């Protein structure tokens, strides 16, 4: 074998190793991003499940409160409007995760529903017999448990999205992410009410 042939074989072997290494890098990172994207989507589904659970509890809760406080019609109307707004957007396409504006709008609808439920529960303070009703207490416990689950699932979603976002933004993986169409996911944030200090009056 001539020296020129040996040199050519060495060069071809080096090129093959480089090409294989580049392929491994792109394929490995792309597949990892797909897996992480699916994990974010799965966690998103858990958030939606809890929102659906809350939505399903509302009619029974409202009906129970109405039985004792029938003249609180403005509160029931607020709850009904908030529930109607949220009812159309519980299970939405996962593309909302890639659109910060759509995600913010979704979060606002859910926050509005949570606020209207808080107003409904505040009404019950004026009705001691309602607060002692077993059916109401059971529904209130279920709602409280659901709100806790919502907070937990939102936290888990944010953690999962943060791991994914960090991974796709790091160089040189950002190149693979841009080529593969992977976009950053939006995060749940605290509502505006939660960010302002409560006013305490004595």
C-alpha atoms as a PDB file:
ATOM      1  CA  UNK A   1       0.000   0.000   0.000  1.00  0.00           C
ATOM      2  CA  UNK A   2       1.471   3.313  -1.039  1.00  0.00           C
ATOM      3  CA  UNK A   3       2.075   6.215   1.311  1.00  0.00           C
ATOM      4  CA  UNK A   4      -0.523   8.313  -0.570  1.00  0.00           C
ATOM      5  CA  UNK A   5      -3.172   5.611  -0.143  1.00  0.00           C
ATOM      6  CA  UNK A   6      -2.446   5.328   3.584  1.00  0.00           C
ATOM      7  CA  UNK A   7      -2.718   9.090   3.986  1.00  0.00           C
ATOM      8  CA  UNK A   8      -6.027   9.111   2.097  1.00  0.00           C
ATOM      9  CA  UNK A   9      -7.416   6.301   4.285  1.00  0.00           C
ATOM     10  CA  UNK A  10      -6.363   8.148   7.449  1.00  0.00           C
ATOM     11  CA  UNK A  11      -8.001  11.357   6.200  1.00  0.00           C
ATOM     12  CA  UNK A  12     -11.188   9.449   5.293  1.00  0.00           C
ATOM     13  CA  UNK A  13     -11.219   7.787   8.722  1.00  0.00           C
ATOM     14  CA  UNK A  14     -10.803  11.165  10.438  1.00  0.00           C
ATOM     15  CA  UNK A  15     -13.607  12.660   8.317  1.00  0.00           C
ATOM     16  CA  UNK A  16     -15.832   9.656   9.125  1.00  0.00           C
ATOM     17  CA  UNK A  17     -15.161  10.063  12.856  1.00  0.00           C
ATOM     18  CA  UNK A  18     -15.918  13.817  12.676  1.00  0.00           C
ATOM     19  CA  UNK A  19     -19.130  13.239  10.687  1.00  0.00           C
ATOM     20  CA  UNK A  20     -20.207  10.511  13.107  1.00  0.00           C
ATOM     21  CA  UNK A  21     -19.432  12.789  16.075  1.00  0.00           C
ATOM     22  CA  UNK A  22     -21.484  15.637  14.577  1.00  0.00           C
ATOM     23  CA  UNK A  23     -24.345  13.241  13.827  1.00  0.00           C
ATOM     24  CA  UNK A  24     -24.239  11.897  17.391  1.00  0.00           C
ATOM     25  CA  UNK A  25     -24.271  15.415  18.808  1.00  0.00           C
ATOM     26  CA  UNK A  26     -27.228  16.574  16.709  1.00  0.00           C
ATOM     27  CA  UNK A  27     -29.221  13.348  16.966  1.00  0.00           C
ATOM     28  CA  UNK A  28     -28.566  12.919  20.695  1.00  0.00           C
ATOM     29  CA  UNK A  29     -29.511  16.496  21.566  1.00  0.00           C
ATOM     30  CA  UNK A  30     -32.527  16.520  19.261  1.00  0.00           C
ATOM     31  CA  UNK A  31     -33.873  13.320  20.806  1.00  0.00           C
ATOM     32  CA  UNK A  32     -33.230  14.665  24.314  1.00  0.00           C
ATOM     33  CA  UNK A  33     -35.171  17.846  23.438  1.00  0.00           C
ATOM     34  CA  UNK A  34     -38.083  15.803  22.107  1.00  0.00           C
ATOM     35  CA  UNK A  35     -38.140  13.806  25.340  1.00  0.00           C
ATOM     36  CA  UNK A  36     -37.990  16.948  27.492  1.00  0.00           C
ATOM     37  CA  UNK A  37     -40.692  18.643  25.415  1.00  0.00           C
ATOM     38  CA  UNK A  38     -42.951  15.633  25.989  1.00  0.00           C
ATOM     39  CA  UNK A  39     -42.253  15.818  29.731  1.00  0.00           C
ATOM     40  CA  UNK A  40     -43.338  19.480  29.753  1.00  0.00           C
ATOM     41  CA  UNK A  41     -46.495  18.562  27.809  1.00  0.00           C
ATOM     42  CA  UNK A  42     -47.240  15.736  30.243  1.00  0.00           C
ATOM     43  CA  UNK A  43     -46.868  18.084  33.211  1.00  0.00           C
ATOM     44  CA  UNK A  44     -49.105  20.607  31.435  1.00  0.00           C
ATOM     45  CA  UNK A  45     -51.784  17.909  31.210  1.00  0.00           C
ATOM     46  CA  UNK A  46     -51.586  17.452  34.986  1.00  0.00           C
ATOM     47  CA  UNK A  47     -52.230  21.170  35.501  1.00  0.00           C
ATOM     48  CA  UNK A  48     -55.224  20.959  33.165  1.00  0.00           C
ATOM     49  CA  UNK A  49     -56.577  17.920  35.034  1.00  0.00           C
ATOM     50  CA  UNK A  50     -56.661  19.901  38.268  1.00  0.00           C
ATOM     51  CA  UNK A  51     -58.284  22.901  36.592  1.00  0.00           C
ATOM     52  CA  UNK A  52     -60.934  20.544  35.216  1.00  0.00           C
ATOM     53  CA  UNK A  53     -61.478  19.067  38.677  1.00  0.00           C
ATOM     54  CA  UNK A  54     -62.055  22.560  40.087  1.00  0.00           C
ATOM     55  CA  UNK A  55     -64.410  23.415  37.236  1.00  0.00           C
ATOM     56  CA  UNK A  56     -66.463  20.292  37.934  1.00  0.00           C
ATOM     57  CA  UNK A  57     -66.815  21.148  41.648  1.00  0.00           C
ATOM     58  CA  UNK A  58     -68.214  24.635  41.074  1.00  0.00           C
ATOM     59  CA  UNK A  59     -71.859  23.814  40.156  1.00  0.00           C
ATOM     60  CA  UNK A  60     -72.361  21.721  43.315  1.00  0.00           C
ATOM     61  CA  UNK A  61     -70.696  24.346  45.479  1.00  0.00           C
ATOM     62  CA  UNK A  62     -72.790  27.172  44.012  1.00  0.00           C
ATOM     63  CA  UNK A  63     -76.009  25.131  44.335  1.00  0.00           C
ATOM     64  CA  UNK A  64     -75.281  24.420  48.006  1.00  0.00           C
ATOM     65  CA  UNK A  65     -74.511  28.058  48.810  1.00  0.00           C
ATOM     66  CA  UNK A  66     -77.605  29.220  46.878  1.00  0.00           C
ATOM     67  CA  UNK A  67     -79.773  27.077  49.120  1.00  0.00           C
ATOM     68  CA  UNK A  68     -78.788  29.247  52.095  1.00  0.00           C
ATOM     69  CA  UNK A  69     -77.908  32.579  50.497  1.00  0.00           C
ATOM     70  CA  UNK A  70     -80.239  32.936  47.535  1.00  0.00           C
ATOM     71  CA  UNK A  71     -80.064  36.748  47.385  1.00  0.00           C
ATOM     72  CA  UNK A  72     -76.292  36.893  46.680  1.00  0.00           C
ATOM     73  CA  UNK A  73     -77.027  36.900  42.942  1.00  0.00           C
ATOM     74  CA  UNK A  74     -74.133  39.176  41.906  1.00  0.00           C
ATOM     75  CA  UNK A  75     -71.606  36.719  43.361  1.00  0.00           C
ATOM     76  CA  UNK A  76     -73.248  33.768  41.579  1.00  0.00           C
ATOM     77  CA  UNK A  77     -73.220  35.753  38.350  1.00  0.00           C
ATOM     78  CA  UNK A  78     -69.484  36.463  38.729  1.00  0.00           C
ATOM     79  CA  UNK A  79     -68.775  32.785  39.371  1.00  0.00           C
ATOM     80  CA  UNK A  80     -70.930  31.738  36.404  1.00  0.00           C
ATOM     81  CA  UNK A  81     -69.157  34.173  34.067  1.00  0.00           C
ATOM     82  CA  UNK A  82     -65.717  33.129  35.266  1.00  0.00           C
ATOM     83  CA  UNK A  83     -66.632  29.443  34.961  1.00  0.00           C
ATOM     84  CA  UNK A  84     -68.020  29.967  31.445  1.00  0.00           C
ATOM     85  CA  UNK A  85     -64.816  31.757  30.419  1.00  0.00           C
ATOM     86  CA  UNK A  86     -62.645  29.019  31.905  1.00  0.00           C
ATOM     87  CA  UNK A  87     -64.851  26.199  30.622  1.00  0.00           C
ATOM     88  CA  UNK A  88     -63.916  26.900  27.036  1.00  0.00           C
ATOM     89  CA  UNK A  89     -60.189  26.847  27.684  1.00  0.00           C
ATOM     90  CA  UNK A  90     -59.425  24.049  30.149  1.00  0.00           C
ATOM     91  CA  UNK A  91     -58.015  21.578  27.655  1.00  0.00           C
ATOM     92  CA  UNK A  92     -56.298  23.678  25.062  1.00  0.00           C
ATOM     93  CA  UNK A  93     -53.757  22.852  22.416  1.00  0.00           C
ATOM     94  CA  UNK A  94     -50.211  22.561  23.756  1.00  0.00           C
ATOM     95  CA  UNK A  95     -49.115  25.242  21.281  1.00  0.00           C
ATOM     96  CA  UNK A  96     -50.170  27.765  23.949  1.00  0.00           C
ATOM     97  CA  UNK A  97     -47.013  26.732  25.812  1.00  0.00           C
ATOM     98  CA  UNK A  98     -44.916  28.248  23.024  1.00  0.00           C
ATOM     99  CA  UNK A  99     -46.918  31.495  22.922  1.00  0.00           C
ATOM    100  CA  UNK A 100     -46.310  33.712  25.987  1.00  0.00           C
ATOM    101  CA  UNK A 101     -49.313  35.957  25.226  1.00  0.00           C
ATOM    102  CA  UNK A 102     -51.742  33.036  24.854  1.00  0.00           C
ATOM    103  CA  UNK A 103     -50.301  31.469  28.010  1.00  0.00           C
ATOM    104  CA  UNK A 104     -50.745  34.737  29.942  1.00  0.00           C
ATOM    105  CA  UNK A 105     -54.369  34.978  28.774  1.00  0.00           C
ATOM    106  CA  UNK A 106     -55.013  31.369  29.842  1.00  0.00           C
ATOM    107  CA  UNK A 107     -53.502  32.049  33.261  1.00  0.00           C
ATOM    108  CA  UNK A 108     -55.607  35.205  33.704  1.00  0.00           C
ATOM    109  CA  UNK A 109     -58.831  33.286  32.992  1.00  0.00           C
ATOM    110  CA  UNK A 110     -57.904  30.668  35.584  1.00  0.00           C
ATOM    111  CA  UNK A 111     -56.905  33.332  38.120  1.00  0.00           C
ATOM    112  CA  UNK A 112     -60.234  35.127  37.577  1.00  0.00           C
ATOM    113  CA  UNK A 113     -62.076  31.895  38.285  1.00  0.00           C
ATOM    114  CA  UNK A 114     -60.056  31.368  41.470  1.00  0.00           C
ATOM    115  CA  UNK A 115     -60.834  34.945  42.591  1.00  0.00           C
ATOM    116  CA  UNK A 116     -64.562  34.528  41.985  1.00  0.00           C
ATOM    117  CA  UNK A 117     -64.531  31.327  44.053  1.00  0.00           C
ATOM    118  CA  UNK A 118     -62.824  33.204  46.884  1.00  0.00           C
ATOM    119  CA  UNK A 119     -65.636  35.797  46.764  1.00  0.00           C
ATOM    120  CA  UNK A 120     -68.192  32.987  46.883  1.00  0.00           C
ATOM    121  CA  UNK A 121     -66.529  31.480  49.954  1.00  0.00           C
ATOM    122  CA  UNK A 122     -66.378  34.902  51.621  1.00  0.00           C
ATOM    123  CA  UNK A 123     -70.180  35.143  51.277  1.00  0.00           C
ATOM    124  CA  UNK A 124     -70.541  32.022  53.395  1.00  0.00           C
ATOM    125  CA  UNK A 125     -69.060  33.849  56.393  1.00  0.00           C
ATOM    126  CA  UNK A 126     -72.448  35.581  56.791  1.00  0.00           C
ATOM    127  CA  UNK A 127     -74.349  32.288  57.007  1.00  0.00           C
ATOM    128  CA  UNK A 128     -73.416  30.190  60.072  1.00  0.00           C
ATOM    129  CA  UNK A 129     -75.913  27.449  59.202  1.00  0.00           C
ATOM    130  CA  UNK A 130     -74.295  27.089  55.768  1.00  0.00           C
ATOM    131  CA  UNK A 131     -70.834  26.825  57.304  1.00  0.00           C
ATOM    132  CA  UNK A 132     -72.143  23.945  59.433  1.00  0.00           C
ATOM    133  CA  UNK A 133     -73.740  22.107  56.485  1.00  0.00           C
ATOM    134  CA  UNK A 134     -71.994  18.752  55.921  1.00  0.00           C
ATOM    135  CA  UNK A 135     -72.413  18.870  52.148  1.00  0.00           C
ATOM    136  CA  UNK A 136     -70.925  22.357  51.980  1.00  0.00           C
ATOM    137  CA  UNK A 137     -68.028  21.397  54.262  1.00  0.00           C
ATOM    138  CA  UNK A 138     -67.246  18.371  52.090  1.00  0.00           C
ATOM    139  CA  UNK A 139     -67.316  20.499  48.919  1.00  0.00           C
ATOM    140  CA  UNK A 140     -65.195  23.173  50.570  1.00  0.00           C
ATOM    141  CA  UNK A 141     -62.626  20.529  51.562  1.00  0.00           C
ATOM    142  CA  UNK A 142     -62.573  19.154  48.015  1.00  0.00           C
ATOM    143  CA  UNK A 143     -62.115  22.647  46.600  1.00  0.00           C
ATOM    144  CA  UNK A 144     -59.321  23.422  49.057  1.00  0.00           C
ATOM    145  CA  UNK A 145     -57.606  20.145  48.153  1.00  0.00           C
ATOM    146  CA  UNK A 146     -57.986  20.930  44.456  1.00  0.00           C
ATOM    147  CA  UNK A 147     -56.522  24.423  44.878  1.00  0.00           C
ATOM    148  CA  UNK A 148     -53.547  22.851  46.675  1.00  0.00           C
ATOM    149  CA  UNK A 149     -53.137  20.334  43.845  1.00  0.00           C
ATOM    150  CA  UNK A 150     -53.319  23.151  41.285  1.00  0.00           C
ATOM    151  CA  UNK A 151     -50.543  25.020  43.118  1.00  0.00           C
ATOM    152  CA  UNK A 152     -48.448  21.840  43.302  1.00  0.00           C
ATOM    153  CA  UNK A 153     -48.913  20.946  39.630  1.00  0.00           C
ATOM    154  CA  UNK A 154     -48.181  24.507  38.527  1.00  0.00           C
ATOM    155  CA  UNK A 155     -44.965  24.440  40.562  1.00  0.00           C
ATOM    156  CA  UNK A 156     -43.980  21.112  38.989  1.00  0.00           C
ATOM    157  CA  UNK A 157     -44.803  22.481  35.551  1.00  0.00           C
ATOM    158  CA  UNK A 158     -42.574  25.524  36.151  1.00  0.00           C
ATOM    159  CA  UNK A 159     -39.728  23.289  37.325  1.00  0.00           C
ATOM    160  CA  UNK A 160     -40.060  21.023  34.275  1.00  0.00           C
ATOM    161  CA  UNK A 161     -40.300  23.997  31.901  1.00  0.00           C
ATOM    162  CA  UNK A 162     -37.260  25.617  33.531  1.00  0.00           C
ATOM    163  CA  UNK A 163     -35.114  22.489  32.992  1.00  0.00           C
ATOM    164  CA  UNK A 164     -36.276  22.317  29.364  1.00  0.00           C
ATOM    165  CA  UNK A 165     -35.750  26.054  28.727  1.00  0.00           C
ATOM    166  CA  UNK A 166     -32.250  25.959  30.212  1.00  0.00           C
ATOM    167  CA  UNK A 167     -31.324  22.921  28.130  1.00  0.00           C
ATOM    168  CA  UNK A 168     -32.437  24.380  24.785  1.00  0.00           C
ATOM    169  CA  UNK A 169     -30.852  27.778  25.412  1.00  0.00           C
ATOM    170  CA  UNK A 170     -27.348  26.517  26.214  1.00  0.00           C
ATOM    171  CA  UNK A 171     -24.739  26.734  23.487  1.00  0.00           C
ATOM    172  CA  UNK A 172     -24.196  24.766  21.289  1.00  0.00           C
ATOM    173  CA  UNK A 173     -27.530  22.996  21.897  1.00  0.00           C
ATOM    174  CA  UNK A 174     -29.314  26.251  21.023  1.00  0.00           C
ATOM    175  CA  UNK A 175     -28.311  25.608  17.398  1.00  0.00           C
ATOM    176  CA  UNK A 176     -30.059  22.227  17.432  1.00  0.00           C
ATOM    177  CA  UNK A 177     -33.085  23.778  19.173  1.00  0.00           C
ATOM    178  CA  UNK A 178     -33.405  26.517  16.554  1.00  0.00           C
ATOM    179  CA  UNK A 179     -33.008  24.056  13.707  1.00  0.00           C
ATOM    180  CA  UNK A 180     -35.526  21.659  15.322  1.00  0.00           C
ATOM    181  CA  UNK A 181     -38.103  24.371  16.069  1.00  0.00           C
ATOM    182  CA  UNK A 182     -37.921  24.003  19.858  1.00  0.00           C
ATOM    183  CA  UNK A 183     -39.190  27.132  21.616  1.00  0.00           C
ATOM    184  CA  UNK A 184     -39.028  28.294  25.213  1.00  0.00           C
ATOM    185  CA  UNK A 185     -42.045  27.491  27.372  1.00  0.00           C
ATOM    186  CA  UNK A 186     -43.866  30.144  29.394  1.00  0.00           C
ATOM    187  CA  UNK A 187     -44.055  29.933  33.185  1.00  0.00           C
ATOM    188  CA  UNK A 188     -46.964  30.289  35.572  1.00  0.00           C
ATOM    189  CA  UNK A 189     -46.510  33.377  37.711  1.00  0.00           C
ATOM    190  CA  UNK A 190     -48.247  34.747  40.772  1.00  0.00           C
ATOM    191  CA  UNK A 191     -51.415  36.725  40.136  1.00  0.00           C
ATOM    192  CA  UNK A 192     -51.322  40.521  40.418  1.00  0.00           C
ATOM    193  CA  UNK A 193     -53.281  40.323  43.684  1.00  0.00           C
ATOM    194  CA  UNK A 194     -50.695  38.011  45.210  1.00  0.00           C
ATOM    195  CA  UNK A 195     -47.891  40.447  44.373  1.00  0.00           C
ATOM    196  CA  UNK A 196     -49.413  43.396  46.236  1.00  0.00           C
ATOM    197  CA  UNK A 197     -49.325  43.486  50.026  1.00  0.00           C
ATOM    198  CA  UNK A 198     -52.750  42.994  51.642  1.00  0.00           C
ATOM    199  CA  UNK A 199     -54.247  45.952  53.476  1.00  0.00           C
ATOM    200  CA  UNK A 200     -54.996  45.142  57.087  1.00  0.00           C
ATOM    201  CA  UNK A 201     -57.685  47.237  58.740  1.00  0.00           C
ATOM    202  CA  UNK A 202     -58.629  47.101  62.396  1.00  0.00           C
END
